[in-house]
Amino acid sequence: MTSNRTNEQWLADLTGESDAQADALSALRKRLHNSILYYLGQERSDLRSHSSRELERMAEDLSQDATLRIMDNLSSFRGESKFT
């Protein structure tokens, strides 16, 4: 499934069968990683002076942490905003 999931699709996939869940987790982590990496490299970021390798590692760590936090809090998602 593409990353253009609705809130309902995200929730169903992240709590569903192992294949759907694995695909959704991978898509979510990748989306978070790309967003974080983009932000870290922006001119307004205090971290932009770090090497691309360091920024990549930070983005990986932060996206993993965010994915775990999201999974821990899925049951409290009210759907009042876009899931991603």
C-alpha atoms as a PDB file:
ATOM      1  CA  MET A   1       0.000   0.000   0.000  1.00  0.00           C
ATOM      2  CA  THR A   2       1.202   3.533  -0.688  1.00  0.00           C
ATOM      3  CA  SER A   3       1.987   6.121   1.924  1.00  0.00           C
ATOM      4  CA  ASN A   4      -1.191   8.015   0.927  1.00  0.00           C
ATOM      5  CA  ARG A   5      -3.153   6.125   3.569  1.00  0.00           C
ATOM      6  CA  THR A   6      -6.127   7.650   5.309  1.00  0.00           C
ATOM      7  CA  ASN A   7      -6.128   7.834   9.098  1.00  0.00           C
ATOM      8  CA  GLU A   8      -8.296   4.733   9.158  1.00  0.00           C
ATOM      9  CA  GLN A   9      -5.918   2.857   6.843  1.00  0.00           C
ATOM     10  CA  TRP A  10      -2.884   3.807   8.944  1.00  0.00           C
ATOM     11  CA  LEU A  11      -4.566   2.566  12.104  1.00  0.00           C
ATOM     12  CA  ALA A  12      -5.838  -0.626  10.483  1.00  0.00           C
ATOM     13  CA  ASP A  13      -2.454  -1.421   8.929  1.00  0.00           C
ATOM     14  CA  LEU A  14      -0.409  -0.598  12.029  1.00  0.00           C
ATOM     15  CA  THR A  15      -2.609  -2.823  14.180  1.00  0.00           C
ATOM     16  CA  GLY A  16      -3.330  -5.458  11.531  1.00  0.00           C
ATOM     17  CA  GLU A  17      -1.760  -8.631  10.202  1.00  0.00           C
ATOM     18  CA  SER A  18       2.005  -8.911  10.310  1.00  0.00           C
ATOM     19  CA  ASP A  19       2.601  -8.214   6.590  1.00  0.00           C
ATOM     20  CA  ALA A  20       0.388  -5.116   6.544  1.00  0.00           C
ATOM     21  CA  GLN A  21       1.871  -3.947   9.832  1.00  0.00           C
ATOM     22  CA  ALA A  22       5.455  -4.420   8.636  1.00  0.00           C
ATOM     23  CA  ASP A  23       4.706  -2.460   5.449  1.00  0.00           C
ATOM     24  CA  ALA A  24       3.002   0.341   7.395  1.00  0.00           C
ATOM     25  CA  LEU A  25       5.811   0.527   9.965  1.00  0.00           C
ATOM     26  CA  SER A  26       8.392   0.744   7.208  1.00  0.00           C
ATOM     27  CA  ALA A  27       6.430   3.466   5.379  1.00  0.00           C
ATOM     28  CA  LEU A  28       5.884   5.418   8.596  1.00  0.00           C
ATOM     29  CA  ARG A  29       9.524   5.237   9.652  1.00  0.00           C
ATOM     30  CA  LYS A  30      10.690   6.254   6.170  1.00  0.00           C
ATOM     31  CA  ARG A  31       8.272   9.175   6.079  1.00  0.00           C
ATOM     32  CA  LEU A  32       9.408  10.340   9.517  1.00  0.00           C
ATOM     33  CA  HIS A  33      13.074   9.870   8.611  1.00  0.00           C
ATOM     34  CA  ASN A  34      12.762  11.933   5.437  1.00  0.00           C
ATOM     35  CA  SER A  35      10.873  14.722   7.221  1.00  0.00           C
ATOM     36  CA  ILE A  36      13.355  14.852  10.087  1.00  0.00           C
ATOM     37  CA  LEU A  37      16.364  14.784   7.773  1.00  0.00           C
ATOM     38  CA  TYR A  38      14.872  17.602   5.710  1.00  0.00           C
ATOM     39  CA  TYR A  39      14.260  19.688   8.828  1.00  0.00           C
ATOM     40  CA  LEU A  40      17.744  19.084  10.254  1.00  0.00           C
ATOM     41  CA  GLY A  41      19.345  20.298   7.036  1.00  0.00           C
ATOM     42  CA  GLN A  42      17.338  23.505   6.804  1.00  0.00           C
ATOM     43  CA  GLU A  43      19.010  26.874   7.241  1.00  0.00           C
ATOM     44  CA  ARG A  44      16.972  27.564  10.395  1.00  0.00           C
ATOM     45  CA  SER A  45      18.229  24.359  12.045  1.00  0.00           C
ATOM     46  CA  ASP A  46      20.961  24.776  14.652  1.00  0.00           C
ATOM     47  CA  LEU A  47      22.331  21.427  13.488  1.00  0.00           C
ATOM     48  CA  ARG A  48      22.844  22.267   9.807  1.00  0.00           C
ATOM     49  CA  SER A  49      26.611  22.639  10.329  1.00  0.00           C
ATOM     50  CA  HIS A  50      26.931  18.912  11.103  1.00  0.00           C
ATOM     51  CA  SER A  51      28.048  16.547   8.371  1.00  0.00           C
ATOM     52  CA  SER A  52      25.432  14.809   6.250  1.00  0.00           C
ATOM     53  CA  ARG A  53      26.501  11.529   7.850  1.00  0.00           C
ATOM     54  CA  GLU A  54      25.820  12.912  11.348  1.00  0.00           C
ATOM     55  CA  LEU A  55      22.467  14.329  10.261  1.00  0.00           C
ATOM     56  CA  GLU A  56      21.557  10.974   8.715  1.00  0.00           C
ATOM     57  CA  ARG A  57      22.341   9.189  11.995  1.00  0.00           C
ATOM     58  CA  MET A  58      20.333  11.717  13.988  1.00  0.00           C
ATOM     59  CA  ALA A  59      17.381  11.380  11.628  1.00  0.00           C
ATOM     60  CA  GLU A  60      17.551   7.588  11.884  1.00  0.00           C
ATOM     61  CA  ASP A  61      17.615   7.677  15.689  1.00  0.00           C
ATOM     62  CA  LEU A  62      14.817  10.226  15.918  1.00  0.00           C
ATOM     63  CA  SER A  63      12.615   8.408  13.408  1.00  0.00           C
ATOM     64  CA  GLN A  64      13.044   5.121  15.271  1.00  0.00           C
ATOM     65  CA  ASP A  65      12.133   6.807  18.546  1.00  0.00           C
ATOM     66  CA  ALA A  66       9.137   8.556  16.997  1.00  0.00           C
ATOM     67  CA  THR A  67       7.898   5.308  15.448  1.00  0.00           C
ATOM     68  CA  LEU A  68       8.067   3.551  18.820  1.00  0.00           C
ATOM     69  CA  ARG A  69       6.224   6.416  20.516  1.00  0.00           C
ATOM     70  CA  ILE A  70       3.537   6.406  17.857  1.00  0.00           C
ATOM     71  CA  MET A  71       3.031   2.669  18.242  1.00  0.00           C
ATOM     72  CA  ASP A  72       2.808   3.032  22.028  1.00  0.00           C
ATOM     73  CA  ASN A  73       0.116   5.685  21.666  1.00  0.00           C
ATOM     74  CA  LEU A  74      -1.989   4.380  18.761  1.00  0.00           C
ATOM     75  CA  SER A  75      -4.952   3.693  21.013  1.00  0.00           C
ATOM     76  CA  SER A  76      -5.161   7.360  22.013  1.00  0.00           C
ATOM     77  CA  PHE A  77      -5.167   8.723  18.440  1.00  0.00           C
ATOM     78  CA  ARG A  78      -8.485  10.559  18.058  1.00  0.00           C
ATOM     79  CA  GLY A  79      -8.238  11.265  14.326  1.00  0.00           C
ATOM     80  CA  GLU A  80      -8.683  15.017  14.745  1.00  0.00           C
ATOM     81  CA  SER A  81      -5.725  15.626  12.452  1.00  0.00           C
ATOM     82  CA  LYS A  82      -3.976  13.805   9.640  1.00  0.00           C
ATOM     83  CA  PHE A  83      -2.158  10.783  11.078  1.00  0.00           C
ATOM     84  CA  THR A  84       1.189  11.706   9.520  1.00  0.00           C
END
